[in-house]
């Protein structure tokens, strides 16, 4: 397990099997409901929502994604596609997220808007 947290009357569980995949589940009452498919690297709550970090670095491939998940409806409400595997995530001075990848850094503001991280933000973090 790469993510295991109590959630409601069950558990939020994420797995990472590298190139063989992984998944994000809610497990309740002996059943599990898959929310997302892919290697789960971790998760965090930010700005009132759950965000899960998916990523795969294998041979020449490097992918990453951070979906925002509404666990009440068990649906992804936003998908933030990353330019490559996420190497690091930090919170900037203005409370946005800076996600570092080998293909460049992106900034995600509190409203969920995604843009290129400014050189000033990159230096501070």
N, C-alpha and C. Protein backbone atom coordinates (compact mmCIF):
# COMPACT_ATOMS: atom_id res chain seq x y z
N UNK A 1 0.84 -1.17 0.00
CA UNK A 1 0.00 0.00 0.00
C UNK A 1 0.89 1.24 0.00
N UNK A 2 0.53 2.17 -0.83
CA UNK A 2 1.23 3.45 -0.82
C UNK A 2 0.38 4.55 -0.20
N UNK A 3 -0.90 4.24 -0.01
CA UNK A 3 -1.80 5.18 0.63
C UNK A 3 -2.83 4.37 1.39
N UNK A 4 -2.96 4.64 2.68
CA UNK A 4 -3.95 3.96 3.49
C UNK A 4 -4.40 4.95 4.56
N UNK A 5 -5.67 5.33 4.51
CA UNK A 5 -6.19 6.31 5.45
C UNK A 5 -7.64 5.99 5.78
N UNK A 6 -8.03 6.18 7.05
CA UNK A 6 -9.44 5.99 7.37
C UNK A 6 -10.28 7.03 6.65
N UNK A 7 -11.43 6.61 6.14
CA UNK A 7 -12.31 7.53 5.42
C UNK A 7 -13.75 7.10 5.63
N UNK A 8 -14.54 7.95 6.25
CA UNK A 8 -15.93 7.60 6.53
C UNK A 8 -15.98 6.36 7.39
N UNK A 9 -16.73 5.37 6.94
CA UNK A 9 -16.84 4.11 7.66
C UNK A 9 -15.92 3.05 7.06
N UNK A 10 -14.96 3.46 6.28
CA UNK A 10 -14.06 2.51 5.64
C UNK A 10 -12.66 3.06 5.52
N UNK A 11 -12.02 2.67 4.44
CA UNK A 11 -10.62 3.04 4.22
C UNK A 11 -10.43 3.53 2.79
N UNK A 12 -9.53 4.46 2.63
CA UNK A 12 -9.05 4.88 1.33
C UNK A 12 -7.72 4.15 1.14
N UNK A 13 -7.59 3.40 0.07
CA UNK A 13 -6.39 2.58 -0.13
C UNK A 13 -5.85 2.77 -1.54
N UNK A 14 -4.54 2.98 -1.64
CA UNK A 14 -3.89 3.11 -2.93
C UNK A 14 -2.74 2.13 -3.04
N UNK A 15 -2.53 1.60 -4.25
CA UNK A 15 -1.45 0.65 -4.48
C UNK A 15 -0.58 1.12 -5.65
N UNK A 16 0.66 0.70 -5.63
CA UNK A 16 1.61 1.02 -6.70
C UNK A 16 2.36 -0.25 -7.06
N UNK A 17 2.10 -0.79 -8.24
CA UNK A 17 2.81 -1.98 -8.72
C UNK A 17 3.72 -1.61 -9.89
N UNK A 18 4.16 -0.35 -9.94
CA UNK A 18 5.06 0.08 -10.99
C UNK A 18 4.45 -0.09 -12.37
N UNK A 19 5.22 -0.66 -13.29
CA UNK A 19 4.73 -0.81 -14.66
C UNK A 19 3.52 -1.74 -14.77
N UNK A 20 3.22 -2.48 -13.71
CA UNK A 20 2.05 -3.36 -13.73
C UNK A 20 0.80 -2.67 -13.20
N UNK A 21 0.91 -1.39 -12.89
CA UNK A 21 -0.27 -0.61 -12.53
C UNK A 21 -0.43 -0.35 -11.06
N UNK A 22 -1.64 -0.21 -10.66
CA UNK A 22 -2.02 0.13 -9.30
C UNK A 22 -3.43 0.66 -9.35
N UNK A 23 -3.96 1.07 -8.20
CA UNK A 23 -5.33 1.58 -8.18
C UNK A 23 -5.59 2.32 -6.88
N UNK A 24 -6.65 3.11 -6.91
CA UNK A 24 -7.15 3.81 -5.73
C UNK A 24 -8.54 3.28 -5.45
N UNK A 25 -8.79 2.87 -4.19
CA UNK A 25 -10.06 2.28 -3.79
C UNK A 25 -10.62 2.93 -2.54
N UNK A 26 -11.92 2.84 -2.38
CA UNK A 26 -12.56 3.03 -1.08
C UNK A 26 -13.03 1.64 -0.67
N UNK A 27 -12.63 1.20 0.50
CA UNK A 27 -13.03 -0.11 1.02
C UNK A 27 -13.98 0.11 2.19
N UNK A 28 -15.21 -0.42 2.06
CA UNK A 28 -16.23 -0.31 3.11
C UNK A 28 -17.02 -1.59 3.18
N UNK A 29 -17.36 -2.00 4.37
CA UNK A 29 -18.25 -3.15 4.59
C UNK A 29 -17.86 -4.37 3.76
N UNK A 30 -16.58 -4.65 3.68
CA UNK A 30 -16.11 -5.82 2.95
C UNK A 30 -16.12 -5.67 1.44
N UNK A 31 -16.47 -4.51 0.92
CA UNK A 31 -16.47 -4.26 -0.53
C UNK A 31 -15.49 -3.15 -0.84
N UNK A 32 -15.05 -3.13 -2.07
CA UNK A 32 -14.20 -2.01 -2.48
C UNK A 32 -14.70 -1.43 -3.79
N UNK A 33 -14.56 -0.13 -3.88
CA UNK A 33 -15.00 0.62 -5.05
C UNK A 33 -13.78 1.32 -5.64
N UNK A 34 -13.44 1.00 -6.89
CA UNK A 34 -12.28 1.61 -7.52
C UNK A 34 -12.61 3.04 -7.95
N UNK A 35 -11.77 3.98 -7.56
CA UNK A 35 -11.93 5.38 -7.94
C UNK A 35 -11.00 5.74 -9.09
N UNK A 36 -9.81 5.18 -9.09
CA UNK A 36 -8.85 5.50 -10.15
C UNK A 36 -7.91 4.34 -10.40
N UNK A 37 -7.36 4.31 -11.61
CA UNK A 37 -6.46 3.23 -12.01
C UNK A 37 -5.10 3.82 -12.34
N UNK A 38 -4.04 3.19 -11.84
CA UNK A 38 -2.67 3.61 -12.08
C UNK A 38 -1.87 3.56 -10.79
N UNK A 39 -0.55 3.63 -10.88
CA UNK A 39 0.29 3.58 -9.69
C UNK A 39 0.05 4.81 -8.80
N UNK A 40 -0.37 4.56 -7.56
CA UNK A 40 -0.63 5.63 -6.59
C UNK A 40 0.65 5.89 -5.80
N UNK A 41 1.12 7.13 -5.84
CA UNK A 41 2.34 7.49 -5.12
C UNK A 41 2.04 8.04 -3.73
N UNK A 42 0.85 8.61 -3.55
CA UNK A 42 0.47 9.18 -2.26
C UNK A 42 -0.77 10.03 -2.43
N UNK A 43 -1.10 10.74 -1.38
CA UNK A 43 -2.26 11.60 -1.43
C UNK A 43 -2.19 12.66 -0.36
N UNK A 44 -3.01 13.68 -0.49
CA UNK A 44 -3.04 14.76 0.48
C UNK A 44 -4.35 15.51 0.35
N UNK A 45 -4.75 16.17 1.43
CA UNK A 45 -5.89 17.06 1.35
C UNK A 45 -5.34 18.47 1.24
N UNK A 46 -5.98 19.26 0.39
CA UNK A 46 -5.55 20.63 0.14
C UNK A 46 -6.75 21.41 -0.35
N UNK A 47 -6.92 22.58 0.22
CA UNK A 47 -7.99 23.46 -0.22
C UNK A 47 -9.36 22.78 -0.13
N UNK A 48 -9.53 21.95 0.90
CA UNK A 48 -10.82 21.31 1.12
C UNK A 48 -11.13 20.10 0.28
N UNK A 49 -10.14 19.60 -0.47
CA UNK A 49 -10.37 18.43 -1.34
C UNK A 49 -9.26 17.40 -1.18
N UNK A 50 -9.58 16.17 -1.54
CA UNK A 50 -8.57 15.12 -1.58
C UNK A 50 -7.90 15.13 -2.94
N UNK A 51 -6.59 15.09 -2.95
CA UNK A 51 -5.80 14.99 -4.19
C UNK A 51 -4.93 13.74 -4.07
N UNK A 52 -4.87 12.97 -5.12
CA UNK A 52 -4.07 11.75 -5.14
C UNK A 52 -3.01 11.91 -6.22
N UNK A 53 -1.81 11.44 -5.93
CA UNK A 53 -0.70 11.56 -6.88
C UNK A 53 -0.50 10.21 -7.55
N UNK A 54 -0.68 10.20 -8.87
CA UNK A 54 -0.42 9.02 -9.69
C UNK A 54 0.84 9.30 -10.50
N UNK A 55 1.67 8.30 -10.70
CA UNK A 55 2.84 8.50 -11.53
C UNK A 55 3.51 7.20 -11.90
N UNK A 56 4.16 7.22 -13.06
CA UNK A 56 4.90 6.06 -13.53
C UNK A 56 6.15 6.52 -14.25
N UNK A 57 7.28 5.97 -13.85
CA UNK A 57 8.54 6.20 -14.54
C UNK A 57 9.10 4.82 -14.84
N UNK A 58 9.11 4.46 -16.13
CA UNK A 58 9.54 3.12 -16.54
C UNK A 58 10.12 3.19 -17.94
N UNK A 59 11.32 2.66 -18.11
CA UNK A 59 12.04 2.72 -19.37
C UNK A 59 12.05 4.17 -19.85
N UNK A 60 11.50 4.50 -21.00
CA UNK A 60 11.50 5.87 -21.47
C UNK A 60 10.25 6.66 -21.13
N UNK A 61 9.29 6.02 -20.47
CA UNK A 61 8.03 6.70 -20.14
C UNK A 61 8.13 7.42 -18.81
N UNK A 62 7.48 8.57 -18.74
CA UNK A 62 7.40 9.34 -17.50
C UNK A 62 6.06 10.06 -17.53
N UNK A 63 5.13 9.61 -16.68
CA UNK A 63 3.80 10.20 -16.67
C UNK A 63 3.40 10.56 -15.24
N UNK A 64 2.46 11.48 -15.12
CA UNK A 64 1.96 11.86 -13.82
C UNK A 64 0.62 12.55 -13.92
N UNK A 65 -0.14 12.45 -12.86
CA UNK A 65 -1.47 13.04 -12.82
C UNK A 65 -1.85 13.27 -11.36
N UNK A 66 -2.58 14.35 -11.12
CA UNK A 66 -3.11 14.61 -9.79
C UNK A 66 -4.62 14.87 -9.93
N UNK A 67 -5.44 13.86 -9.70
CA UNK A 67 -6.88 14.10 -9.73
C UNK A 67 -7.37 14.62 -8.38
N UNK A 68 -8.38 15.49 -8.46
CA UNK A 68 -9.09 15.94 -7.25
C UNK A 68 -10.32 15.05 -7.14
N UNK A 69 -10.56 14.50 -5.96
CA UNK A 69 -11.62 13.50 -5.80
C UNK A 69 -12.63 13.94 -4.76
N UNK A 70 -13.90 13.85 -5.13
CA UNK A 70 -15.01 14.07 -4.21
C UNK A 70 -15.41 12.70 -3.70
N UNK A 71 -15.07 12.41 -2.45
CA UNK A 71 -15.34 11.08 -1.93
C UNK A 71 -16.81 10.86 -1.59
N UNK A 72 -17.58 11.93 -1.46
CA UNK A 72 -19.02 11.76 -1.23
C UNK A 72 -19.67 11.13 -2.44
N UNK A 73 -19.25 11.55 -3.64
CA UNK A 73 -19.83 11.00 -4.87
C UNK A 73 -18.93 9.94 -5.50
N UNK A 74 -17.71 9.81 -4.95
CA UNK A 74 -16.72 8.85 -5.48
C UNK A 74 -16.37 9.15 -6.93
N UNK A 75 -16.26 10.41 -7.23
CA UNK A 75 -15.95 10.83 -8.60
C UNK A 75 -14.78 11.80 -8.62
N UNK A 76 -14.04 11.73 -9.71
CA UNK A 76 -12.96 12.68 -9.95
C UNK A 76 -13.60 13.98 -10.44
N UNK A 77 -13.30 15.09 -9.78
CA UNK A 77 -13.88 16.37 -10.17
C UNK A 77 -12.93 17.21 -11.02
N UNK A 78 -11.65 16.89 -11.00
CA UNK A 78 -10.67 17.58 -11.85
C UNK A 78 -9.48 16.66 -12.04
N UNK A 79 -8.93 16.65 -13.25
CA UNK A 79 -7.70 15.89 -13.55
C UNK A 79 -6.62 16.88 -13.95
N UNK A 80 -5.56 16.88 -13.19
CA UNK A 80 -4.42 17.74 -13.51
C UNK A 80 -3.34 16.84 -14.09
N UNK A 81 -3.13 16.95 -15.39
CA UNK A 81 -2.13 16.14 -16.06
C UNK A 81 -0.77 16.82 -15.90
N UNK A 82 0.22 16.04 -15.52
CA UNK A 82 1.57 16.56 -15.31
C UNK A 82 2.42 16.29 -16.55
N UNK A 83 3.43 17.15 -16.80
CA UNK A 83 4.29 16.93 -17.98
C UNK A 83 5.16 15.68 -17.85
N UNK A 84 5.36 15.18 -16.63
CA UNK A 84 6.18 13.99 -16.40
C UNK A 84 5.94 13.52 -14.96
N UNK A 85 6.65 12.50 -14.57
CA UNK A 85 6.56 11.93 -13.22
C UNK A 85 6.83 13.03 -12.19
N UNK A 86 6.00 13.13 -11.16
CA UNK A 86 6.20 14.17 -10.15
C UNK A 86 7.36 13.82 -9.21
N UNK A 87 8.39 14.65 -9.23
CA UNK A 87 9.54 14.42 -8.36
C UNK A 87 9.37 15.04 -6.98
N UNK A 88 8.58 16.13 -6.91
CA UNK A 88 8.42 16.84 -5.65
C UNK A 88 7.19 17.73 -5.73
N UNK A 89 6.54 17.96 -4.61
CA UNK A 89 5.41 18.88 -4.53
C UNK A 89 5.63 19.77 -3.32
N UNK A 90 5.47 21.07 -3.54
CA UNK A 90 5.65 22.04 -2.45
C UNK A 90 4.53 23.06 -2.48
N UNK A 91 4.31 23.69 -1.34
CA UNK A 91 3.34 24.78 -1.26
C UNK A 91 4.13 26.08 -1.35
N UNK A 92 3.69 26.97 -2.24
CA UNK A 92 4.40 28.25 -2.42
C UNK A 92 3.95 29.25 -1.35
N UNK A 93 4.60 30.41 -1.34
CA UNK A 93 4.27 31.47 -0.39
C UNK A 93 2.83 31.95 -0.57
N UNK A 94 2.29 31.85 -1.78
CA UNK A 94 0.91 32.31 -2.00
C UNK A 94 -0.09 31.15 -1.93
N UNK A 95 0.30 30.04 -1.31
CA UNK A 95 -0.55 28.88 -1.05
C UNK A 95 -0.96 28.12 -2.30
N UNK A 96 -0.22 28.25 -3.38
CA UNK A 96 -0.45 27.39 -4.54
C UNK A 96 0.53 26.22 -4.44
N UNK A 97 0.27 25.19 -5.24
CA UNK A 97 1.18 24.04 -5.26
C UNK A 97 2.16 24.19 -6.40
N UNK A 98 3.41 23.85 -6.17
CA UNK A 98 4.42 23.77 -7.21
C UNK A 98 4.78 22.30 -7.34
N UNK A 99 4.56 21.73 -8.52
CA UNK A 99 4.86 20.33 -8.78
C UNK A 99 6.09 20.29 -9.68
N UNK A 100 7.15 19.68 -9.18
CA UNK A 100 8.40 19.60 -9.94
C UNK A 100 8.47 18.30 -10.73
N UNK A 101 8.82 18.44 -12.01
CA UNK A 101 9.05 17.28 -12.87
C UNK A 101 10.30 17.55 -13.69
N UNK A 102 10.85 16.52 -14.29
CA UNK A 102 12.03 16.70 -15.14
C UNK A 102 11.71 17.45 -16.43
N UNK A 103 10.42 17.52 -16.78
CA UNK A 103 10.00 18.22 -17.99
C UNK A 103 9.53 19.65 -17.69
N UNK A 104 9.72 20.11 -16.47
CA UNK A 104 9.33 21.46 -16.09
C UNK A 104 8.40 21.44 -14.90
N UNK A 105 8.31 22.56 -14.25
CA UNK A 105 7.48 22.70 -13.06
C UNK A 105 6.16 23.35 -13.42
N UNK A 106 5.10 22.91 -12.73
CA UNK A 106 3.79 23.55 -12.93
C UNK A 106 3.32 24.11 -11.59
N UNK A 107 2.44 25.09 -11.71
CA UNK A 107 1.83 25.69 -10.52
C UNK A 107 0.32 25.45 -10.58
N UNK A 108 -0.26 25.06 -9.46
CA UNK A 108 -1.69 24.85 -9.35
C UNK A 108 -2.20 25.82 -8.29
N UNK A 109 -3.06 26.76 -8.69
CA UNK A 109 -3.55 27.73 -7.71
C UNK A 109 -4.72 27.14 -6.92
N UNK A 110 -5.17 27.86 -5.91
CA UNK A 110 -6.21 27.37 -5.01
C UNK A 110 -7.54 27.11 -5.73
N UNK A 111 -7.76 27.75 -6.87
CA UNK A 111 -8.98 27.51 -7.64
C UNK A 111 -8.84 26.30 -8.56
N UNK A 112 -7.66 25.69 -8.62
CA UNK A 112 -7.43 24.53 -9.48
C UNK A 112 -6.90 24.88 -10.85
N UNK A 113 -6.61 26.16 -11.09
CA UNK A 113 -6.05 26.57 -12.38
C UNK A 113 -4.59 26.14 -12.45
N UNK A 114 -4.24 25.57 -13.59
CA UNK A 114 -2.89 25.03 -13.80
C UNK A 114 -2.12 25.92 -14.76
N UNK A 115 -0.90 26.22 -14.42
CA UNK A 115 -0.04 27.02 -15.29
C UNK A 115 1.41 26.66 -15.07
N UNK A 116 2.26 27.24 -15.89
CA UNK A 116 3.70 27.04 -15.75
C UNK A 116 4.17 27.79 -14.51
N UNK A 117 4.99 27.16 -13.70
CA UNK A 117 5.53 27.83 -12.52
C UNK A 117 6.49 28.91 -12.98
N UNK A 118 6.38 30.07 -12.35
CA UNK A 118 7.28 31.17 -12.72
C UNK A 118 8.67 30.88 -12.19
N UNK A 119 9.71 31.42 -12.85
CA UNK A 119 11.08 31.22 -12.35
C UNK A 119 11.22 31.70 -10.90
N UNK A 120 10.48 32.76 -10.52
CA UNK A 120 10.53 33.26 -9.16
C UNK A 120 10.00 32.21 -8.19
N UNK A 121 8.88 31.56 -8.51
CA UNK A 121 8.32 30.50 -7.67
C UNK A 121 9.27 29.33 -7.59
N UNK A 122 9.88 28.97 -8.72
CA UNK A 122 10.80 27.83 -8.74
C UNK A 122 12.00 28.08 -7.84
N UNK A 123 12.52 29.32 -7.82
CA UNK A 123 13.69 29.63 -7.00
C UNK A 123 13.35 29.59 -5.50
N UNK A 124 12.16 30.07 -5.14
CA UNK A 124 11.77 30.14 -3.73
C UNK A 124 11.51 28.78 -3.13
N UNK A 125 11.14 27.84 -3.94
CA UNK A 125 10.76 26.53 -3.39
C UNK A 125 11.89 25.59 -3.57
